[in-house]
C-alpha atoms as a PDB file:
ATOM      1  CA  UNK A   1      71.354 115.372 158.530  1.00  0.00           C
ATOM      2  CA  UNK A   2      71.697 114.745 162.236  1.00  0.00           C
ATOM      3  CA  UNK A   3      68.086 115.481 163.110  1.00  0.00           C
ATOM      4  CA  UNK A   4      65.618 112.624 163.153  1.00  0.00           C
ATOM      5  CA  UNK A   5      61.865 113.105 162.832  1.00  0.00           C
ATOM      6  CA  UNK A   6      59.985 112.141 165.949  1.00  0.00           C
ATOM      7  CA  UNK A   7      56.315 111.343 166.367  1.00  0.00           C
ATOM      8  CA  UNK A   8      53.783 112.326 163.751  1.00  0.00           C
ATOM      9  CA  UNK A   9      55.040 114.685 161.055  1.00  0.00           C
ATOM     10  CA  UNK A  10      52.750 117.518 159.896  1.00  0.00           C
ATOM     11  CA  UNK A  11      53.884 118.898 156.559  1.00  0.00           C
ATOM     12  CA  UNK A  12      53.679 122.684 156.301  1.00  0.00           C
ATOM     13  CA  UNK A  13      52.230 123.527 152.871  1.00  0.00           C
ATOM     14  CA  UNK A  14      53.909 126.938 152.977  1.00  0.00           C
ATOM     15  CA  UNK A  15      57.332 125.347 153.388  1.00  0.00           C
ATOM     16  CA  UNK A  16      56.477 122.820 150.664  1.00  0.00           C
ATOM     17  CA  UNK A  17      55.629 125.690 148.309  1.00  0.00           C
ATOM     18  CA  UNK A  18      58.991 127.302 149.109  1.00  0.00           C
ATOM     19  CA  UNK A  19      60.744 123.980 148.537  1.00  0.00           C
ATOM     20  CA  UNK A  20      59.098 123.423 145.137  1.00  0.00           C
ATOM     21  CA  UNK A  21      60.114 126.920 144.013  1.00  0.00           C
ATOM     22  CA  UNK A  22      63.759 126.216 144.866  1.00  0.00           C
ATOM     23  CA  UNK A  23      63.539 122.757 143.259  1.00  0.00           C
ATOM     24  CA  UNK A  24      62.230 124.286 140.026  1.00  0.00           C
ATOM     25  CA  UNK A  25      64.720 127.164 139.936  1.00  0.00           C
ATOM     26  CA  UNK A  26      67.696 125.285 141.463  1.00  0.00           C
ATOM     27  CA  UNK A  27      68.782 128.711 142.639  1.00  0.00           C
ATOM     28  CA  UNK A  28      67.901 130.244 146.001  1.00  0.00           C
ATOM     29  CA  UNK A  29      68.154 133.829 144.747  1.00  0.00           C
ATOM     30  CA  UNK A  30      65.763 133.341 141.814  1.00  0.00           C
ATOM     31  CA  UNK A  31      63.364 131.325 143.967  1.00  0.00           C
ATOM     32  CA  UNK A  32      63.364 134.076 146.601  1.00  0.00           C
ATOM     33  CA  UNK A  33      62.540 136.692 143.952  1.00  0.00           C
ATOM     34  CA  UNK A  34      59.726 134.500 142.626  1.00  0.00           C
ATOM     35  CA  UNK A  35      58.295 134.125 146.145  1.00  0.00           C
ATOM     36  CA  UNK A  36      58.855 137.788 147.092  1.00  0.00           C
ATOM     37  CA  UNK A  37      61.033 136.710 150.026  1.00  0.00           C
ATOM     38  CA  UNK A  38      64.463 137.705 151.237  1.00  0.00           C
ATOM     39  CA  UNK A  39      66.948 134.966 150.347  1.00  0.00           C
ATOM     40  CA  UNK A  40      68.097 134.392 153.976  1.00  0.00           C
ATOM     41  CA  UNK A  41      64.455 133.888 155.009  1.00  0.00           C
ATOM     42  CA  UNK A  42      63.946 131.324 152.245  1.00  0.00           C
ATOM     43  CA  UNK A  43      67.160 129.499 153.165  1.00  0.00           C
ATOM     44  CA  UNK A  44      66.064 129.265 156.810  1.00  0.00           C
ATOM     45  CA  UNK A  45      62.660 127.885 155.819  1.00  0.00           C
ATOM     46  CA  UNK A  46      64.268 125.177 153.673  1.00  0.00           C
ATOM     47  CA  UNK A  47      66.650 124.284 156.505  1.00  0.00           C
ATOM     48  CA  UNK A  48      63.691 123.987 158.895  1.00  0.00           C
ATOM     49  CA  UNK A  49      61.911 121.690 156.431  1.00  0.00           C
ATOM     50  CA  UNK A  50      65.005 119.502 156.166  1.00  0.00           C
ATOM     51  CA  UNK A  51      65.226 119.347 159.957  1.00  0.00           C
ATOM     52  CA  UNK A  52      61.555 118.434 160.266  1.00  0.00           C
ATOM     53  CA  UNK A  53      61.898 115.663 157.687  1.00  0.00           C
ATOM     54  CA  UNK A  54      65.285 114.517 158.922  1.00  0.00           C
ATOM     55  CA  UNK A  55      66.760 114.484 155.406  1.00  0.00           C
ATOM     56  CA  UNK A  56      68.901 116.623 153.128  1.00  0.00           C
ATOM     57  CA  UNK A  57      66.850 117.932 150.219  1.00  0.00           C
ATOM     58  CA  UNK A  58      69.513 119.905 148.340  1.00  0.00           C
ATOM     59  CA  UNK A  59      73.202 119.483 147.715  1.00  0.00           C
ATOM     60  CA  UNK A  60      74.617 123.003 147.936  1.00  0.00           C
ATOM     61  CA  UNK A  61      77.949 124.294 146.712  1.00  0.00           C
ATOM     62  CA  UNK A  62      79.155 127.833 146.120  1.00  0.00           C
ATOM     63  CA  UNK A  63      78.084 127.549 142.478  1.00  0.00           C
ATOM     64  CA  UNK A  64      75.353 124.925 142.252  1.00  0.00           C
ATOM     65  CA  UNK A  65      72.182 123.690 143.909  1.00  0.00           C
ATOM     66  CA  UNK A  66      71.038 120.149 143.111  1.00  0.00           C
ATOM     67  CA  UNK A  67      68.253 117.940 144.418  1.00  0.00           C
ATOM     68  CA  UNK A  68      69.174 114.871 146.412  1.00  0.00           C
ATOM     69  CA  UNK A  69      67.287 111.611 145.894  1.00  0.00           C
ATOM     70  CA  UNK A  70      65.103 112.572 148.869  1.00  0.00           C
ATOM     71  CA  UNK A  71      64.542 115.983 147.296  1.00  0.00           C
ATOM     72  CA  UNK A  72      63.463 114.452 143.988  1.00  0.00           C
ATOM     73  CA  UNK A  73      61.009 112.229 145.829  1.00  0.00           C
ATOM     74  CA  UNK A  74      59.582 115.184 147.743  1.00  0.00           C
ATOM     75  CA  UNK A  75      59.026 117.119 144.497  1.00  0.00           C
ATOM     76  CA  UNK A  76      56.869 114.253 143.242  1.00  0.00           C
ATOM     77  CA  UNK A  77      54.974 114.124 146.532  1.00  0.00           C
ATOM     78  CA  UNK A  78      54.663 117.899 147.048  1.00  0.00           C
ATOM     79  CA  UNK A  79      53.088 118.967 143.761  1.00  0.00           C
ATOM     80  CA  UNK A  80      49.834 116.981 144.144  1.00  0.00           C
ATOM     81  CA  UNK A  81      49.650 118.004 147.831  1.00  0.00           C
ATOM     82  CA  UNK A  82      49.912 121.681 146.915  1.00  0.00           C
ATOM     83  CA  UNK A  83      47.376 121.280 144.114  1.00  0.00           C
ATOM     84  CA  UNK A  84      44.978 119.531 146.482  1.00  0.00           C
ATOM     85  CA  UNK A  85      45.425 122.311 149.035  1.00  0.00           C
ATOM     86  CA  UNK A  86      44.644 124.955 146.403  1.00  0.00           C
ATOM     87  CA  UNK A  87      41.583 122.993 145.268  1.00  0.00           C
ATOM     88  CA  UNK A  88      40.340 122.641 148.853  1.00  0.00           C
ATOM     89  CA  UNK A  89      40.652 126.400 149.393  1.00  0.00           C
ATOM     90  CA  UNK A  90      38.764 126.989 146.134  1.00  0.00           C
ATOM     91  CA  UNK A  91      35.911 124.680 147.138  1.00  0.00           C
ATOM     92  CA  UNK A  92      35.661 126.204 150.619  1.00  0.00           C
ATOM     93  CA  UNK A  93      35.445 129.726 149.151  1.00  0.00           C
ATOM     94  CA  UNK A  94      32.785 128.556 146.698  1.00  0.00           C
ATOM     95  CA  UNK A  95      30.765 127.035 149.537  1.00  0.00           C
ATOM     96  CA  UNK A  96      30.932 130.338 151.415  1.00  0.00           C
ATOM     97  CA  UNK A  97      29.768 132.276 148.356  1.00  0.00           C
ATOM     98  CA  UNK A  98      26.628 130.106 148.088  1.00  0.00           C
ATOM     99  CA  UNK A  99      26.960 130.138 144.292  1.00  0.00           C
ATOM    100  CA  UNK A 100      28.023 126.780 142.812  1.00  0.00           C
ATOM    101  CA  UNK A 101      31.053 126.694 140.536  1.00  0.00           C
ATOM    102  CA  UNK A 102      32.125 124.144 137.936  1.00  0.00           C
ATOM    103  CA  UNK A 103      35.708 124.133 136.619  1.00  0.00           C
ATOM    104  CA  UNK A 104      36.195 122.614 133.164  1.00  0.00           C
ATOM    105  CA  UNK A 105      39.572 121.374 131.905  1.00  0.00           C
ATOM    106  CA  UNK A 106      40.292 121.634 128.187  1.00  0.00           C
ATOM    107  CA  UNK A 107      42.952 121.210 125.519  1.00  0.00           C
ATOM    108  CA  UNK A 108      43.610 124.182 123.241  1.00  0.00           C
ATOM    109  CA  UNK A 109      41.583 124.191 120.031  1.00  0.00           C
ATOM    110  CA  UNK A 110      38.583 122.042 120.989  1.00  0.00           C
ATOM    111  CA  UNK A 111      35.475 123.974 119.896  1.00  0.00           C
ATOM    112  CA  UNK A 112      33.213 121.372 121.525  1.00  0.00           C
ATOM    113  CA  UNK A 113      34.275 122.804 124.888  1.00  0.00           C
ATOM    114  CA  UNK A 114      32.815 126.205 124.026  1.00  0.00           C
ATOM    115  CA  UNK A 115      29.537 124.718 122.783  1.00  0.00           C
ATOM    116  CA  UNK A 116      29.190 122.548 125.891  1.00  0.00           C
ATOM    117  CA  UNK A 117      29.856 125.451 128.270  1.00  0.00           C
ATOM    118  CA  UNK A 118      27.367 127.691 126.459  1.00  0.00           C
ATOM    119  CA  UNK A 119      24.714 124.977 126.550  1.00  0.00           C
ATOM    120  CA  UNK A 120      25.351 124.286 130.231  1.00  0.00           C
ATOM    121  CA  UNK A 121      25.229 127.995 131.116  1.00  0.00           C
ATOM    122  CA  UNK A 122      21.894 128.358 129.335  1.00  0.00           C
ATOM    123  CA  UNK A 123      20.504 125.543 131.474  1.00  0.00           C
ATOM    124  CA  UNK A 124      22.209 126.494 134.744  1.00  0.00           C
ATOM    125  CA  UNK A 125      22.616 130.283 134.831  1.00  0.00           C
ATOM    126  CA  UNK A 126      22.996 130.006 138.614  1.00  0.00           C
ATOM    127  CA  UNK A 127      26.349 128.207 138.209  1.00  0.00           C
ATOM    128  CA  UNK A 128      29.671 129.974 137.662  1.00  0.00           C
ATOM    129  CA  UNK A 129      31.620 128.095 134.976  1.00  0.00           C
ATOM    130  CA  UNK A 130      35.401 128.415 135.026  1.00  0.00           C
ATOM    131  CA  UNK A 131      37.953 126.943 132.628  1.00  0.00           C
ATOM    132  CA  UNK A 132      41.422 125.523 133.121  1.00  0.00           C
ATOM    133  CA  UNK A 133      43.836 124.612 130.343  1.00  0.00           C
ATOM    134  CA  UNK A 134      45.235 121.099 130.673  1.00  0.00           C
ATOM    135  CA  UNK A 135      48.136 119.235 129.091  1.00  0.00           C
ATOM    136  CA  UNK A 136      49.092 115.647 128.324  1.00  0.00           C
ATOM    137  CA  UNK A 137      51.046 115.557 131.586  1.00  0.00           C
ATOM    138  CA  UNK A 138      48.242 116.594 133.969  1.00  0.00           C
ATOM    139  CA  UNK A 139      44.902 115.731 132.353  1.00  0.00           C
ATOM    140  CA  UNK A 140      44.222 112.984 134.919  1.00  0.00           C
ATOM    141  CA  UNK A 141      45.857 114.710 137.896  1.00  0.00           C
ATOM    142  CA  UNK A 142      43.752 117.889 137.721  1.00  0.00           C
ATOM    143  CA  UNK A 143      40.674 115.715 138.243  1.00  0.00           C
ATOM    144  CA  UNK A 144      42.165 113.568 140.997  1.00  0.00           C
ATOM    145  CA  UNK A 145      43.394 116.539 143.028  1.00  0.00           C
ATOM    146  CA  UNK A 146      40.266 118.627 142.460  1.00  0.00           C
ATOM    147  CA  UNK A 147      41.784 121.438 140.388  1.00  0.00           C
ATOM    148  CA  UNK A 148      39.099 120.723 137.760  1.00  0.00           C
ATOM    149  CA  UNK A 149      35.667 119.142 138.187  1.00  0.00           C
ATOM    150  CA  UNK A 150      35.429 117.790 134.645  1.00  0.00           C
ATOM    151  CA  UNK A 151      37.835 117.750 131.706  1.00  0.00           C
ATOM    152  CA  UNK A 152      37.799 117.044 127.995  1.00  0.00           C
ATOM    153  CA  UNK A 153      40.606 114.488 127.840  1.00  0.00           C
ATOM    154  CA  UNK A 154      42.429 112.864 124.941  1.00  0.00           C
ATOM    155  CA  UNK A 155      43.073 109.138 125.179  1.00  0.00           C
ATOM    156  CA  UNK A 156      45.105 107.277 126.227  1.00  0.00           C
ATOM    157  CA  UNK A 157      44.834 108.298 129.867  1.00  0.00           C
ATOM    158  CA  UNK A 158      45.384 106.533 133.177  1.00  0.00           C
ATOM    159  CA  UNK A 159      41.746 105.791 134.032  1.00  0.00           C
ATOM    160  CA  UNK A 160      42.303 104.849 137.692  1.00  0.00           C
ATOM    161  CA  UNK A 161      39.942 106.886 139.871  1.00  0.00           C
ATOM    162  CA  UNK A 162      38.183 108.417 136.870  1.00  0.00           C
ATOM    163  CA  UNK A 163      34.899 107.998 135.031  1.00  0.00           C
ATOM    164  CA  UNK A 164      35.015 108.534 131.263  1.00  0.00           C
ATOM    165  CA  UNK A 165      32.139 109.595 129.018  1.00  0.00           C
ATOM    166  CA  UNK A 166      33.023 108.904 125.354  1.00  0.00           C
ATOM    167  CA  UNK A 167      32.250 111.917 123.171  1.00  0.00           C
ATOM    168  CA  UNK A 168      33.757 111.658 119.688  1.00  0.00           C
ATOM    169  CA  UNK A 169      36.728 110.659 117.552  1.00  0.00           C
ATOM    170  CA  UNK A 170      38.731 113.329 115.759  1.00  0.00           C
ATOM    171  CA  UNK A 171      40.895 113.019 112.678  1.00  0.00           C
ATOM    172  CA  UNK A 172      44.618 113.557 113.208  1.00  0.00           C
ATOM    173  CA  UNK A 173      46.939 115.496 110.935  1.00  0.00           C
ATOM    174  CA  UNK A 174      50.697 115.897 110.672  1.00  0.00           C
ATOM    175  CA  UNK A 175      52.183 119.228 111.722  1.00  0.00           C
ATOM    176  CA  UNK A 176      55.164 120.007 109.499  1.00  0.00           C
ATOM    177  CA  UNK A 177      57.480 122.906 108.842  1.00  0.00           C
ATOM    178  CA  UNK A 178      56.052 125.063 106.061  1.00  0.00           C
ATOM    179  CA  UNK A 179      59.047 124.222 103.845  1.00  0.00           C
ATOM    180  CA  UNK A 180      58.818 120.450 104.459  1.00  0.00           C
ATOM    181  CA  UNK A 181      58.713 118.545 101.117  1.00  0.00           C
ATOM    182  CA  UNK A 182      55.268 117.125 101.985  1.00  0.00           C
ATOM    183  CA  UNK A 183      53.734 120.342 103.302  1.00  0.00           C
ATOM    184  CA  UNK A 184      51.727 121.030 100.148  1.00  0.00           C
ATOM    185  CA  UNK A 185      50.171 117.578  99.785  1.00  0.00           C
ATOM    186  CA  UNK A 186      46.404 117.017 100.038  1.00  0.00           C
ATOM    187  CA  UNK A 187      46.986 113.816 102.039  1.00  0.00           C
ATOM    188  CA  UNK A 188      49.950 111.623 102.954  1.00  0.00           C
ATOM    189  CA  UNK A 189      50.734 108.206 104.407  1.00  0.00           C
ATOM    190  CA  UNK A 190      52.506 107.611 107.695  1.00  0.00           C
ATOM    191  CA  UNK A 191      55.216 105.725 105.815  1.00  0.00           C
ATOM    192  CA  UNK A 192      56.226 108.960 104.076  1.00  0.00           C
ATOM    193  CA  UNK A 193      57.330 110.374 107.439  1.00  0.00           C
ATOM    194  CA  UNK A 194      59.373 107.369 108.536  1.00  0.00           C
ATOM    195  CA  UNK A 195      62.658 109.235 108.991  1.00  0.00           C
ATOM    196  CA  UNK A 196      61.334 112.524 110.361  1.00  0.00           C
ATOM    197  CA  UNK A 197      62.123 113.075 114.062  1.00  0.00           C
ATOM    198  CA  UNK A 198      59.009 113.337 116.246  1.00  0.00           C
ATOM    199  CA  UNK A 199      58.377 115.839 119.019  1.00  0.00           C
ATOM    200  CA  UNK A 200      58.507 114.278 122.491  1.00  0.00           C
ATOM    201  CA  UNK A 201      56.130 115.388 125.265  1.00  0.00           C
ATOM    202  CA  UNK A 202      57.661 116.180 128.656  1.00  0.00           C
ATOM    203  CA  UNK A 203      56.207 114.035 131.475  1.00  0.00           C
ATOM    204  CA  UNK A 204      53.890 112.177 129.078  1.00  0.00           C
ATOM    205  CA  UNK A 205      53.207 108.490 129.663  1.00  0.00           C
ATOM    206  CA  UNK A 206      54.738 105.878 127.402  1.00  0.00           C
ATOM    207  CA  UNK A 207      51.243 105.104 126.107  1.00  0.00           C
ATOM    208  CA  UNK A 208      50.687 108.769 125.200  1.00  0.00           C
ATOM    209  CA  UNK A 209      53.985 108.999 123.329  1.00  0.00           C
ATOM    210  CA  UNK A 210      53.362 105.746 121.468  1.00  0.00           C
ATOM    211  CA  UNK A 211      49.899 106.775 120.273  1.00  0.00           C
ATOM    212  CA  UNK A 212      50.361 110.483 119.634  1.00  0.00           C
ATOM    213  CA  UNK A 213      53.609 109.986 117.739  1.00  0.00           C
ATOM    214  CA  UNK A 214      52.280 106.829 116.055  1.00  0.00           C
ATOM    215  CA  UNK A 215      55.512 105.216 117.190  1.00  0.00           C
ATOM    216  CA  UNK A 216      56.461 102.517 116.414  1.00  0.00           C
ATOM    217  CA  UNK A 217      54.951 102.695 112.956  1.00  0.00           C
ATOM    218  CA  UNK A 218      52.712  99.911 111.550  1.00  0.00           C
ATOM    219  CA  UNK A 219      55.733  98.173 110.029  1.00  0.00           C
ATOM    220  CA  UNK A 220      57.615  98.241 113.365  1.00  0.00           C
ATOM    221  CA  UNK A 221      59.893 101.115 112.361  1.00  0.00           C
ATOM    222  CA  UNK A 222      60.704 103.549 115.201  1.00  0.00           C
ATOM    223  CA  UNK A 223      60.911 107.198 114.183  1.00  0.00           C
ATOM    224  CA  UNK A 224      63.869 109.231 115.497  1.00  0.00           C
ATOM    225  CA  UNK A 225      63.322 111.236 118.689  1.00  0.00           C
ATOM    226  CA  UNK A 226      63.203 115.003 118.337  1.00  0.00           C
ATOM    227  CA  UNK A 227      63.237 117.760 120.982  1.00  0.00           C
ATOM    228  CA  UNK A 228      61.103 117.496 124.127  1.00  0.00           C
ATOM    229  CA  UNK A 229      58.442 120.153 124.735  1.00  0.00           C
ATOM    230  CA  UNK A 230      56.158 121.132 127.611  1.00  0.00           C
ATOM    231  CA  UNK A 231      53.248 122.728 125.754  1.00  0.00           C
ATOM    232  CA  UNK A 232      51.739 123.467 122.350  1.00  0.00           C
ATOM    233  CA  UNK A 233      53.573 126.765 121.947  1.00  0.00           C
ATOM    234  CA  UNK A 234      56.963 125.073 122.327  1.00  0.00           C
ATOM    235  CA  UNK A 235      55.850 122.297 119.983  1.00  0.00           C
ATOM    236  CA  UNK A 236      54.967 124.795 117.246  1.00  0.00           C
ATOM    237  CA  UNK A 237      58.334 126.540 117.540  1.00  0.00           C
ATOM    238  CA  UNK A 238      60.167 123.198 117.242  1.00  0.00           C
ATOM    239  CA  UNK A 239      58.122 122.253 114.177  1.00  0.00           C
ATOM    240  CA  UNK A 240      58.517 125.657 112.506  1.00  0.00           C
ATOM    241  CA  UNK A 241      62.293 125.333 112.892  1.00  0.00           C
ATOM    242  CA  UNK A 242      62.231 122.044 110.998  1.00  0.00           C
ATOM    243  CA  UNK A 243      63.637 120.074 113.942  1.00  0.00           C
ATOM    244  CA  UNK A 244      60.717 117.616 114.196  1.00  0.00           C
ATOM    245  CA  UNK A 245      57.137 116.826 113.219  1.00  0.00           C
ATOM    246  CA  UNK A 246      54.079 115.929 115.272  1.00  0.00           C
ATOM    247  CA  UNK A 247      50.593 114.454 114.929  1.00  0.00           C
ATOM    248  CA  UNK A 248      47.658 116.339 116.471  1.00  0.00           C
ATOM    249  CA  UNK A 249      43.859 116.388 116.299  1.00  0.00           C
ATOM    250  CA  UNK A 250      42.469 118.539 113.508  1.00  0.00           C
ATOM    251  CA  UNK A 251      41.063 121.049 116.028  1.00  0.00           C
ATOM    252  CA  UNK A 252      44.533 121.601 117.503  1.00  0.00           C
ATOM    253  CA  UNK A 253      45.926 122.079 113.999  1.00  0.00           C
ATOM    254  CA  UNK A 254      43.281 124.744 113.483  1.00  0.00           C
ATOM    255  CA  UNK A 255      44.508 126.550 116.592  1.00  0.00           C
ATOM    256  CA  UNK A 256      48.058 126.303 115.233  1.00  0.00           C
ATOM    257  CA  UNK A 257      47.077 127.614 111.804  1.00  0.00           C
ATOM    258  CA  UNK A 258      48.281 131.144 112.511  1.00  0.00           C
ATOM    259  CA  UNK A 259      51.742 130.059 113.658  1.00  0.00           C
ATOM    260  CA  UNK A 260      54.242 131.268 111.022  1.00  0.00           C
ATOM    261  CA  UNK A 261      56.258 128.478 109.453  1.00  0.00           C
ATOM    262  CA  UNK A 262      53.889 125.605 110.341  1.00  0.00           C
ATOM    263  CA  UNK A 263      51.683 123.613 107.953  1.00  0.00           C
ATOM    264  CA  UNK A 264      49.395 120.645 108.500  1.00  0.00           C
ATOM    265  CA  UNK A 265      48.556 117.738 106.209  1.00  0.00           C
ATOM    266  CA  UNK A 266      45.943 114.981 106.719  1.00  0.00           C
ATOM    267  CA  UNK A 267      47.424 111.511 107.288  1.00  0.00           C
ATOM    268  CA  UNK A 268      45.244 108.879 105.671  1.00  0.00           C
ATOM    269  CA  UNK A 269      46.311 105.760 107.559  1.00  0.00           C
ATOM    270  CA  UNK A 270      46.497 106.601 111.287  1.00  0.00           C
ATOM    271  CA  UNK A 271      43.655 106.204 113.803  1.00  0.00           C
ATOM    272  CA  UNK A 272      41.818 109.259 115.161  1.00  0.00           C
ATOM    273  CA  UNK A 273      42.127 110.749 118.627  1.00  0.00           C
ATOM    274  CA  UNK A 274      39.404 109.606 121.023  1.00  0.00           C
ATOM    275  CA  UNK A 275      38.006 112.457 123.137  1.00  0.00           C
ATOM    276  CA  UNK A 276      36.109 111.835 126.389  1.00  0.00           C
ATOM    277  CA  UNK A 277      34.680 113.883 129.192  1.00  0.00           C
ATOM    278  CA  UNK A 278      36.295 112.712 132.422  1.00  0.00           C
ATOM    279  CA  UNK A 279      35.616 113.334 136.093  1.00  0.00           C
ATOM    280  CA  UNK A 280      36.750 112.001 139.448  1.00  0.00           C
ATOM    281  CA  UNK A 281      34.669 108.909 140.240  1.00  0.00           C
ATOM    282  CA  UNK A 282      34.593 109.944 143.918  1.00  0.00           C
ATOM    283  CA  UNK A 283      33.068 113.356 143.112  1.00  0.00           C
ATOM    284  CA  UNK A 284      30.071 112.589 140.913  1.00  0.00           C
ATOM    285  CA  UNK A 285      27.532 115.382 141.495  1.00  0.00           C
ATOM    286  CA  UNK A 286      24.337 116.618 139.806  1.00  0.00           C
ATOM    287  CA  UNK A 287      26.364 119.518 138.351  1.00  0.00           C
ATOM    288  CA  UNK A 288      28.816 117.106 136.744  1.00  0.00           C
ATOM    289  CA  UNK A 289      25.971 114.945 135.437  1.00  0.00           C
ATOM    290  CA  UNK A 290      24.348 118.028 133.937  1.00  0.00           C
ATOM    291  CA  UNK A 291      27.561 119.125 132.280  1.00  0.00           C
ATOM    292  CA  UNK A 292      28.167 115.616 130.916  1.00  0.00           C
ATOM    293  CA  UNK A 293      24.743 115.739 129.256  1.00  0.00           C
ATOM    294  CA  UNK A 294      25.570 119.133 127.720  1.00  0.00           C
ATOM    295  CA  UNK A 295      28.951 117.813 126.506  1.00  0.00           C
ATOM    296  CA  UNK A 296      27.315 114.814 124.812  1.00  0.00           C
ATOM    297  CA  UNK A 297      24.841 117.080 123.041  1.00  0.00           C
ATOM    298  CA  UNK A 298      27.566 119.526 122.005  1.00  0.00           C
ATOM    299  CA  UNK A 299      29.668 116.679 120.605  1.00  0.00           C
ATOM    300  CA  UNK A 300      26.851 115.619 118.268  1.00  0.00           C
ATOM    301  CA  UNK A 301      25.718 119.081 117.197  1.00  0.00           C
END
């Protein structure tokens, strides 16, 4: 690009949202449809953003759109900025409504979440309690950017900027295809699954992959890598097809029980998942303290 940024640069969140849509679709037409914009309008907005930044964000040909190295960096920078902007708007609206709101992050299947929310609502009927589903890839980020006030997180997690309240440990089981040779067993050992490919988790940390796939195994053996998934639904489809196995907390296995073609078996010799309530250490409030107390009680009930 010929343009050079001058002075202080103010990033336009609207243009960033347009940019992220194109980066995710890698197609201006599909991104325009997703944003309910005319394609020429979207193209002009992206060109303006490139001019403001003084960089090229996309390599464009007649057939392909690809991110440049600067574009890839901006994707990483833009997502938390957009999330923080959304969270700020949410908090401002809540302040205007004069009714406090608490947003709770959760993994699918955890019944402790429901008990904690019910207990908290009984004690604080003046508070609106909202829920937000979280994943291995964003369980810390939703707290840091304010999208959730508290979250039931599964260790390991990057603890920087967070406070953790230990709640309980939960047994893990193996999720297998229903026709897997071990699917009917009452209990198995990790060594019996040595050669089964394991599901990989998109955007998960190395520590998450190592623990939640129990990889490497106690004897140092590394299980083969299977397909990469973004959520539980994709994981269940991969497992039902017989392409890979996975290890999950028993509560998650319960949520997966109705998926056709998937079975779960207890694994006797792997450690449990540690579940904590987490919140942003810079945002400790009486509401969060009250919910943490309810979560501790729910975890022991």
